[in-house]
Amino acid sequence: LVLYFLLMQTTFGRYVLAVGGNPRAAVLSGIRMKQIKWLCFVLTSMLAALSAIILLSRLNSGQTNAGFGFELQVVGAVLLGGTSLYGGQGSLLGTLLAVLLLGTLNNGIVLLDINSSWQIAITGFAILIAVLLDARRRKRLGVS
């Protein structure tokens, strides 16, 4: 919610959306694109470190493969939530609903005692469908 507020209610958030939507127009309007991208990378790195600390406290030990597979779930949730691979689109509500959907699917797979490899395959299939639907929608709208 803090990041949602940062993105939607601050000048920095508007700059981030502008750079993500149309970098050339953002630069022409006076936005320092390199600085905004650098700040986004710093913010993302800090959030990744916070996530690692939370995972470490959950596992009570450091393991090199502790987060294996999480990146697929994250990308799947973001793409299923309606965020375009081409940038400029996305919503917090859509992503939260996609997180609930993937969490429910994964929980169902575990409860049905299905092999965990299918969990990865289903997530990958969901990502593929989301990308294909986004590409189809962009083609229909005539957006490159």
N, C-alpha and C. Protein backbone atom coordinates (compact mmCIF):
# COMPACT_ATOMS: atom_id res chain seq x y z
N LEU A 1 0.81 -1.19 0.00
CA LEU A 1 0.00 0.00 0.00
C LEU A 1 0.86 1.26 0.00
N VAL A 2 1.99 1.20 0.69
CA VAL A 2 2.90 2.34 0.70
C VAL A 2 3.43 2.59 -0.71
N LEU A 3 3.81 1.52 -1.39
CA LEU A 3 4.32 1.67 -2.75
C LEU A 3 3.23 2.10 -3.72
N TYR A 4 2.01 1.65 -3.49
CA TYR A 4 0.89 2.10 -4.32
C TYR A 4 0.70 3.60 -4.16
N PHE A 5 0.75 4.07 -2.92
CA PHE A 5 0.65 5.51 -2.67
C PHE A 5 1.80 6.24 -3.34
N LEU A 6 3.01 5.70 -3.20
CA LEU A 6 4.19 6.32 -3.81
C LEU A 6 4.04 6.41 -5.33
N LEU A 7 3.49 5.38 -5.93
CA LEU A 7 3.35 5.34 -7.38
C LEU A 7 2.23 6.24 -7.88
N MET A 8 1.13 6.30 -7.15
CA MET A 8 -0.05 7.00 -7.65
C MET A 8 -0.21 8.44 -7.15
N GLN A 9 0.42 8.78 -6.04
CA GLN A 9 0.15 10.09 -5.44
C GLN A 9 1.36 11.01 -5.36
N THR A 10 2.49 10.62 -5.93
CA THR A 10 3.68 11.46 -5.85
C THR A 10 4.20 11.79 -7.24
N THR A 11 5.00 12.83 -7.28
CA THR A 11 5.63 13.22 -8.54
C THR A 11 6.55 12.11 -9.04
N PHE A 12 7.28 11.49 -8.11
CA PHE A 12 8.16 10.39 -8.49
C PHE A 12 7.36 9.28 -9.16
N GLY A 13 6.20 8.95 -8.62
CA GLY A 13 5.36 7.91 -9.21
C GLY A 13 4.90 8.27 -10.61
N ARG A 14 4.53 9.52 -10.81
CA ARG A 14 4.13 9.94 -12.15
C ARG A 14 5.29 9.85 -13.12
N TYR A 15 6.49 10.20 -12.64
CA TYR A 15 7.67 10.09 -13.49
C TYR A 15 7.94 8.63 -13.86
N VAL A 16 7.79 7.73 -12.89
CA VAL A 16 8.01 6.31 -13.15
C VAL A 16 7.02 5.81 -14.20
N LEU A 17 5.76 6.18 -14.05
CA LEU A 17 4.75 5.76 -15.02
C LEU A 17 5.02 6.36 -16.40
N ALA A 18 5.49 7.60 -16.42
CA ALA A 18 5.80 8.23 -17.70
C ALA A 18 6.97 7.54 -18.39
N VAL A 19 8.02 7.24 -17.63
CA VAL A 19 9.19 6.56 -18.21
C VAL A 19 8.80 5.16 -18.67
N GLY A 20 7.96 4.47 -17.91
CA GLY A 20 7.53 3.13 -18.29
C GLY A 20 6.60 3.13 -19.49
N GLY A 21 5.77 4.16 -19.60
CA GLY A 21 4.81 4.22 -20.70
C GLY A 21 5.41 4.65 -22.02
N ASN A 22 6.22 5.70 -21.98
CA ASN A 22 6.83 6.22 -23.21
C ASN A 22 8.12 6.94 -22.83
N PRO A 23 9.24 6.23 -22.84
CA PRO A 23 10.50 6.84 -22.40
C PRO A 23 10.90 8.07 -23.21
N ARG A 24 10.68 8.03 -24.50
CA ARG A 24 11.08 9.16 -25.34
C ARG A 24 10.28 10.42 -24.99
N ALA A 25 8.98 10.26 -24.82
CA ALA A 25 8.14 11.40 -24.45
C ALA A 25 8.51 11.91 -23.06
N ALA A 26 8.86 10.99 -22.16
CA ALA A 26 9.25 11.40 -20.81
C ALA A 26 10.51 12.26 -20.85
N VAL A 27 11.49 11.85 -21.64
CA VAL A 27 12.73 12.63 -21.77
C VAL A 27 12.44 13.98 -22.40
N LEU A 28 11.61 14.00 -23.42
CA LEU A 28 11.28 15.26 -24.09
C LEU A 28 10.50 16.21 -23.18
N SER A 29 9.81 15.67 -22.17
CA SER A 29 9.08 16.52 -21.24
C SER A 29 9.93 16.97 -20.06
N GLY A 30 11.20 16.59 -20.06
CA GLY A 30 12.12 17.08 -19.04
C GLY A 30 12.38 16.14 -17.88
N ILE A 31 11.90 14.93 -17.97
CA ILE A 31 12.14 13.95 -16.91
C ILE A 31 13.52 13.35 -17.10
N ARG A 32 14.28 13.29 -16.02
CA ARG A 32 15.61 12.69 -16.09
C ARG A 32 15.46 11.17 -15.99
N MET A 33 15.41 10.54 -17.15
CA MET A 33 15.10 9.11 -17.22
C MET A 33 16.15 8.27 -16.50
N LYS A 34 17.43 8.57 -16.66
CA LYS A 34 18.47 7.76 -16.02
C LYS A 34 18.33 7.81 -14.50
N GLN A 35 18.03 8.97 -13.96
CA GLN A 35 17.88 9.11 -12.51
C GLN A 35 16.66 8.32 -12.02
N ILE A 36 15.56 8.40 -12.74
CA ILE A 36 14.34 7.68 -12.35
C ILE A 36 14.58 6.17 -12.41
N LYS A 37 15.23 5.70 -13.48
CA LYS A 37 15.53 4.27 -13.58
C LYS A 37 16.45 3.83 -12.46
N TRP A 38 17.45 4.64 -12.14
CA TRP A 38 18.38 4.30 -11.07
C TRP A 38 17.64 4.20 -9.74
N LEU A 39 16.76 5.15 -9.46
CA LEU A 39 15.99 5.11 -8.22
C LEU A 39 15.06 3.89 -8.17
N CYS A 40 14.50 3.52 -9.32
CA CYS A 40 13.65 2.32 -9.37
C CYS A 40 14.47 1.07 -9.07
N PHE A 41 15.67 0.99 -9.63
CA PHE A 41 16.52 -0.16 -9.36
C PHE A 41 16.93 -0.21 -7.89
N VAL A 42 17.23 0.94 -7.29
CA VAL A 42 17.58 0.98 -5.88
C VAL A 42 16.40 0.53 -5.03
N LEU A 43 15.22 1.04 -5.33
CA LEU A 43 14.02 0.66 -4.58
C LEU A 43 13.73 -0.83 -4.72
N THR A 44 13.86 -1.34 -5.92
CA THR A 44 13.64 -2.77 -6.16
C THR A 44 14.66 -3.61 -5.41
N SER A 45 15.90 -3.18 -5.39
CA SER A 45 16.95 -3.91 -4.66
C SER A 45 16.66 -3.93 -3.17
N MET A 46 16.20 -2.81 -2.64
CA MET A 46 15.87 -2.77 -1.21
C MET A 46 14.71 -3.70 -0.90
N LEU A 47 13.72 -3.75 -1.77
CA LEU A 47 12.59 -4.65 -1.55
C LEU A 47 13.00 -6.12 -1.69
N ALA A 48 13.92 -6.41 -2.61
CA ALA A 48 14.43 -7.78 -2.75
C ALA A 48 15.18 -8.18 -1.49
N ALA A 49 15.96 -7.26 -0.93
CA ALA A 49 16.68 -7.55 0.31
C ALA A 49 15.70 -7.79 1.46
N LEU A 50 14.66 -6.98 1.54
CA LEU A 50 13.64 -7.17 2.57
C LEU A 50 12.95 -8.53 2.41
N SER A 51 12.65 -8.90 1.18
CA SER A 51 12.05 -10.22 0.92
C SER A 51 12.97 -11.34 1.34
N ALA A 52 14.26 -11.19 1.07
CA ALA A 52 15.23 -12.21 1.46
C ALA A 52 15.30 -12.33 2.98
N ILE A 53 15.25 -11.22 3.67
CA ILE A 53 15.28 -11.25 5.14
C ILE A 53 14.04 -11.94 5.68
N ILE A 54 12.89 -11.66 5.10
CA ILE A 54 11.65 -12.31 5.55
C ILE A 54 11.71 -13.81 5.29
N LEU A 55 12.20 -14.21 4.11
CA LEU A 55 12.33 -15.63 3.80
C LEU A 55 13.33 -16.30 4.73
N LEU A 56 14.42 -15.62 5.02
CA LEU A 56 15.44 -16.16 5.92
C LEU A 56 14.85 -16.38 7.31
N SER A 57 14.07 -15.43 7.79
CA SER A 57 13.47 -15.59 9.12
C SER A 57 12.42 -16.70 9.12
N ARG A 58 11.78 -16.91 7.99
CA ARG A 58 10.77 -17.98 7.89
C ARG A 58 11.42 -19.36 7.91
N LEU A 59 12.58 -19.49 7.26
CA LEU A 59 13.26 -20.78 7.17
C LEU A 59 14.21 -21.04 8.33
N ASN A 60 14.54 -20.01 9.09
CA ASN A 60 15.49 -20.10 10.20
C ASN A 60 16.88 -20.53 9.78
N SER A 61 17.20 -20.40 8.51
CA SER A 61 18.54 -20.72 8.03
C SER A 61 18.71 -20.15 6.64
N GLY A 62 19.98 -19.93 6.27
CA GLY A 62 20.26 -19.46 4.93
C GLY A 62 20.53 -20.64 4.00
N GLN A 63 19.83 -20.69 2.90
CA GLN A 63 20.02 -21.76 1.93
C GLN A 63 20.14 -21.14 0.55
N THR A 64 21.04 -21.68 -0.25
CA THR A 64 21.28 -21.09 -1.56
C THR A 64 20.10 -21.26 -2.51
N ASN A 65 19.31 -22.28 -2.33
CA ASN A 65 18.18 -22.52 -3.23
C ASN A 65 16.84 -22.26 -2.56
N ALA A 66 16.81 -21.44 -1.53
CA ALA A 66 15.59 -21.21 -0.76
C ALA A 66 14.50 -20.54 -1.59
N GLY A 67 14.85 -19.65 -2.50
CA GLY A 67 13.85 -18.93 -3.27
C GLY A 67 13.62 -19.49 -4.65
N PHE A 68 14.10 -20.71 -4.90
CA PHE A 68 13.95 -21.29 -6.23
C PHE A 68 12.48 -21.44 -6.58
N GLY A 69 12.10 -20.94 -7.73
CA GLY A 69 10.72 -21.04 -8.19
C GLY A 69 9.85 -19.85 -7.85
N PHE A 70 10.28 -19.02 -6.90
CA PHE A 70 9.48 -17.86 -6.53
C PHE A 70 9.39 -16.85 -7.66
N GLU A 71 10.49 -16.72 -8.42
CA GLU A 71 10.49 -15.73 -9.50
C GLU A 71 9.43 -16.06 -10.55
N LEU A 72 9.20 -17.33 -10.80
CA LEU A 72 8.17 -17.72 -11.76
C LEU A 72 6.78 -17.35 -11.23
N GLN A 73 6.56 -17.56 -9.94
CA GLN A 73 5.28 -17.21 -9.35
C GLN A 73 5.05 -15.70 -9.38
N VAL A 74 6.10 -14.94 -9.13
CA VAL A 74 5.97 -13.48 -9.14
C VAL A 74 5.65 -12.98 -10.54
N VAL A 75 6.41 -13.44 -11.53
CA VAL A 75 6.17 -13.02 -12.91
C VAL A 75 4.78 -13.47 -13.35
N GLY A 76 4.40 -14.67 -12.98
CA GLY A 76 3.07 -15.17 -13.33
C GLY A 76 1.96 -14.31 -12.74
N ALA A 77 2.10 -13.94 -11.47
CA ALA A 77 1.08 -13.12 -10.83
C ALA A 77 0.99 -11.73 -11.47
N VAL A 78 2.13 -11.15 -11.78
CA VAL A 78 2.13 -9.81 -12.37
C VAL A 78 1.52 -9.84 -13.77
N LEU A 79 1.89 -10.83 -14.57
CA LEU A 79 1.35 -10.91 -15.93
C LEU A 79 -0.13 -11.29 -15.93
N LEU A 80 -0.51 -12.22 -15.06
CA LEU A 80 -1.93 -12.57 -14.97
C LEU A 80 -2.77 -11.41 -14.45
N GLY A 81 -2.13 -10.54 -13.68
CA GLY A 81 -2.83 -9.37 -13.15
C GLY A 81 -3.09 -8.28 -14.16
N GLY A 82 -2.56 -8.45 -15.36
CA GLY A 82 -2.84 -7.49 -16.42
C GLY A 82 -1.70 -6.57 -16.78
N THR A 83 -0.54 -6.75 -16.17
CA THR A 83 0.60 -5.92 -16.52
C THR A 83 1.15 -6.37 -17.86
N SER A 84 1.39 -5.41 -18.73
CA SER A 84 1.88 -5.71 -20.07
C SER A 84 3.39 -5.89 -20.05
N LEU A 85 3.88 -6.84 -20.82
CA LEU A 85 5.33 -7.01 -20.97
C LEU A 85 5.95 -5.82 -21.66
N TYR A 86 5.14 -5.07 -22.37
CA TYR A 86 5.65 -3.94 -23.14
C TYR A 86 5.67 -2.65 -22.32
N GLY A 87 5.21 -2.70 -21.08
CA GLY A 87 5.25 -1.54 -20.21
C GLY A 87 4.03 -0.65 -20.33
N GLY A 88 3.93 0.26 -19.36
CA GLY A 88 2.89 1.26 -19.41
C GLY A 88 1.54 0.85 -18.87
N GLN A 89 1.36 -0.40 -18.49
CA GLN A 89 0.07 -0.86 -17.99
C GLN A 89 0.29 -1.73 -16.76
N GLY A 90 -0.72 -1.77 -15.93
CA GLY A 90 -0.67 -2.61 -14.76
C GLY A 90 -1.54 -2.03 -13.66
N SER A 91 -2.01 -2.90 -12.78
CA SER A 91 -2.82 -2.42 -11.66
C SER A 91 -2.53 -3.27 -10.44
N LEU A 92 -2.58 -2.63 -9.30
CA LEU A 92 -2.35 -3.32 -8.04
C LEU A 92 -3.46 -4.33 -7.77
N LEU A 93 -4.70 -3.94 -8.02
CA LEU A 93 -5.83 -4.83 -7.76
C LEU A 93 -5.75 -6.08 -8.63
N GLY A 94 -5.43 -5.91 -9.91
CA GLY A 94 -5.29 -7.06 -10.80
C GLY A 94 -4.20 -8.01 -10.34
N THR A 95 -3.08 -7.44 -9.91
CA THR A 95 -1.98 -8.28 -9.43
C THR A 95 -2.36 -9.01 -8.16
N LEU A 96 -3.05 -8.33 -7.24
CA LEU A 96 -3.48 -8.99 -6.00
C LEU A 96 -4.46 -10.12 -6.29
N LEU A 97 -5.37 -9.90 -7.22
CA LEU A 97 -6.30 -10.98 -7.59
C LEU A 97 -5.57 -12.15 -8.24
N ALA A 98 -4.55 -11.85 -9.04
CA ALA A 98 -3.77 -12.92 -9.66
C ALA A 98 -2.96 -13.68 -8.61
N VAL A 99 -2.46 -12.98 -7.59
CA VAL A 99 -1.75 -13.66 -6.50
C VAL A 99 -2.69 -14.62 -5.79
N LEU A 100 -3.92 -14.18 -5.53
CA LEU A 100 -4.91 -15.07 -4.90
C LEU A 100 -5.22 -16.27 -5.79
N LEU A 101 -5.36 -16.04 -7.09
CA LEU A 101 -5.64 -17.13 -8.02
C LEU A 101 -4.51 -18.15 -8.04
N LEU A 102 -3.27 -17.67 -8.18
CA LEU A 102 -2.13 -18.60 -8.21
C LEU A 102 -1.95 -19.30 -6.87
N GLY A 103 -2.18 -18.58 -5.78
CA GLY A 103 -2.09 -19.21 -4.46
C GLY A 103 -3.13 -20.30 -4.28
N THR A 104 -4.33 -20.05 -4.77
CA THR A 104 -5.39 -21.06 -4.70
C THR A 104 -5.06 -22.27 -5.56
N LEU A 105 -4.54 -22.01 -6.78
CA LEU A 105 -4.13 -23.12 -7.65
C LEU A 105 -3.03 -23.96 -7.00
N ASN A 106 -2.02 -23.29 -6.47
CA ASN A 106 -0.91 -24.01 -5.84
C ASN A 106 -1.38 -24.80 -4.62
N ASN A 107 -2.27 -24.20 -3.83
CA ASN A 107 -2.80 -24.90 -2.67
C ASN A 107 -3.62 -26.11 -3.10
N GLY A 108 -4.41 -25.97 -4.15
CA GLY A 108 -5.18 -27.10 -4.66
C GLY A 108 -4.30 -28.22 -5.15
N ILE A 109 -3.19 -27.87 -5.80
CA ILE A 109 -2.26 -28.90 -6.27
C ILE A 109 -1.66 -29.66 -5.10
N VAL A 110 -1.31 -28.93 -4.04
CA VAL A 110 -0.74 -29.58 -2.85
C VAL A 110 -1.79 -30.46 -2.19
N LEU A 111 -3.01 -29.96 -2.03
CA LEU A 111 -4.06 -30.73 -1.37
C LEU A 111 -4.47 -31.97 -2.16
N LEU A 112 -4.38 -31.89 -3.48
CA LEU A 112 -4.71 -33.04 -4.32
C LEU A 112 -3.54 -34.02 -4.45
N ASP A 113 -2.43 -33.70 -3.81
CA ASP A 113 -1.23 -34.54 -3.80
C ASP A 113 -0.71 -34.80 -5.22
N ILE A 114 -0.72 -33.73 -6.02
CA ILE A 114 -0.19 -33.80 -7.38
C ILE A 114 1.29 -33.46 -7.32
N ASN A 115 2.07 -34.05 -8.19
CA ASN A 115 3.51 -33.82 -8.24
C ASN A 115 3.80 -32.32 -8.34
N SER A 116 4.80 -31.85 -7.60
CA SER A 116 5.11 -30.42 -7.57
C SER A 116 5.60 -29.89 -8.92
N SER A 117 6.05 -30.75 -9.79
CA SER A 117 6.46 -30.31 -11.12
C SER A 117 5.27 -29.74 -11.89
N TRP A 118 4.10 -30.26 -11.61
CA TRP A 118 2.90 -29.75 -12.28
C TRP A 118 2.58 -28.33 -11.83
N GLN A 119 2.95 -27.99 -10.61
CA GLN A 119 2.73 -26.63 -10.12
C GLN A 119 3.50 -25.64 -10.98
N ILE A 120 4.75 -25.95 -11.28
CA ILE A 120 5.58 -25.09 -12.13
C ILE A 120 5.01 -25.05 -13.54
N ALA A 121 4.57 -26.21 -14.04
CA ALA A 121 4.02 -26.27 -15.40
C ALA A 121 2.74 -25.45 -15.51
N ILE A 122 1.88 -25.53 -14.51
CA ILE A 122 0.63 -24.77 -14.54
C ILE A 122 0.90 -23.28 -14.48
N THR A 123 1.85 -22.87 -13.64
CA THR A 123 2.22 -21.45 -13.57
C THR A 123 2.78 -20.98 -14.90
N GLY A 124 3.65 -21.77 -15.51
CA GLY A 124 4.21 -21.43 -16.81
C GLY A 124 3.15 -21.34 -17.89
N PHE A 125 2.19 -22.25 -17.84
CA PHE A 125 1.09 -22.23 -18.80
C PHE A 125 0.24 -20.97 -18.63
N ALA A 126 0.00 -20.59 -17.37
CA ALA A 126 -0.77 -19.37 -17.10
C ALA A 126 -0.03 -18.14 -17.62
N ILE A 127 1.29 -18.11 -17.47
CA ILE A 127 2.09 -17.00 -18.00
C ILE A 127 1.98 -16.96 -19.51
N LEU A 128 2.09 -18.11 -20.14
CA LEU A 128 2.00 -18.19 -21.60
C LEU A 128 0.66 -17.66 -22.09
N ILE A 129 -0.41 -18.06 -21.44
CA ILE A 129 -1.74 -17.58 -21.83
C ILE A 129 -1.84 -16.06 -21.65
N ALA A 130 -1.31 -15.54 -20.53
CA ALA A 130 -1.37 -14.10 -20.28
C ALA A 130 -0.60 -13.33 -21.34
N VAL A 131 0.57 -13.82 -21.72
CA VAL A 131 1.38 -13.14 -22.74
C VAL A 131 0.69 -13.19 -24.10
N LEU A 132 0.13 -14.34 -24.44
CA LEU A 132 -0.57 -14.46 -25.72
C LEU A 132 -1.80 -13.56 -25.78
N LEU A 133 -2.55 -13.49 -24.68
CA LEU A 133 -3.72 -12.61 -24.66
C LEU A 133 -3.32 -11.14 -24.75
N ASP A 134 -2.23 -10.78 -24.09
CA ASP A 134 -1.75 -9.40 -24.15
C ASP A 134 -1.29 -9.06 -25.57
N ALA A 135 -0.56 -9.97 -26.21
CA ALA A 135 -0.11 -9.74 -27.58
C ALA A 135 -1.29 -9.63 -28.54
N ARG A 136 -2.29 -10.46 -28.33
CA ARG A 136 -3.49 -10.42 -29.18
C ARG A 136 -4.24 -9.10 -29.00
N ARG A 137 -4.36 -8.67 -27.75
CA ARG A 137 -5.04 -7.40 -27.47
C ARG A 137 -4.28 -6.23 -28.08
N ARG A 138 -2.96 -6.23 -27.96
CA ARG A 138 -2.15 -5.15 -28.53
C ARG A 138 -2.24 -5.14 -30.05
N LYS A 139 -2.30 -6.32 -30.65
CA LYS A 139 -2.41 -6.40 -32.12
C LYS A 139 -3.76 -5.87 -32.57
N ARG A 140 -4.81 -6.21 -31.82
CA ARG A 140 -6.15 -5.77 -32.17
C ARG A 140 -6.28 -4.25 -32.04
N LEU A 141 -5.61 -3.67 -31.03
CA LEU A 141 -5.64 -2.22 -30.84
C LEU A 141 -4.69 -1.49 -31.77
N GLY A 142 -3.81 -2.24 -32.44
CA GLY A 142 -2.86 -1.62 -33.35
C GLY A 142 -1.67 -0.99 -32.66
N VAL A 143 -1.37 -1.45 -31.44
CA VAL A 143 -0.24 -0.92 -30.68
C VAL A 143 0.95 -1.82 -30.92
N SER A 144 2.11 -1.22 -31.22
CA SER A 144 3.29 -2.06 -31.47
C SER A 144 4.11 -2.22 -30.23
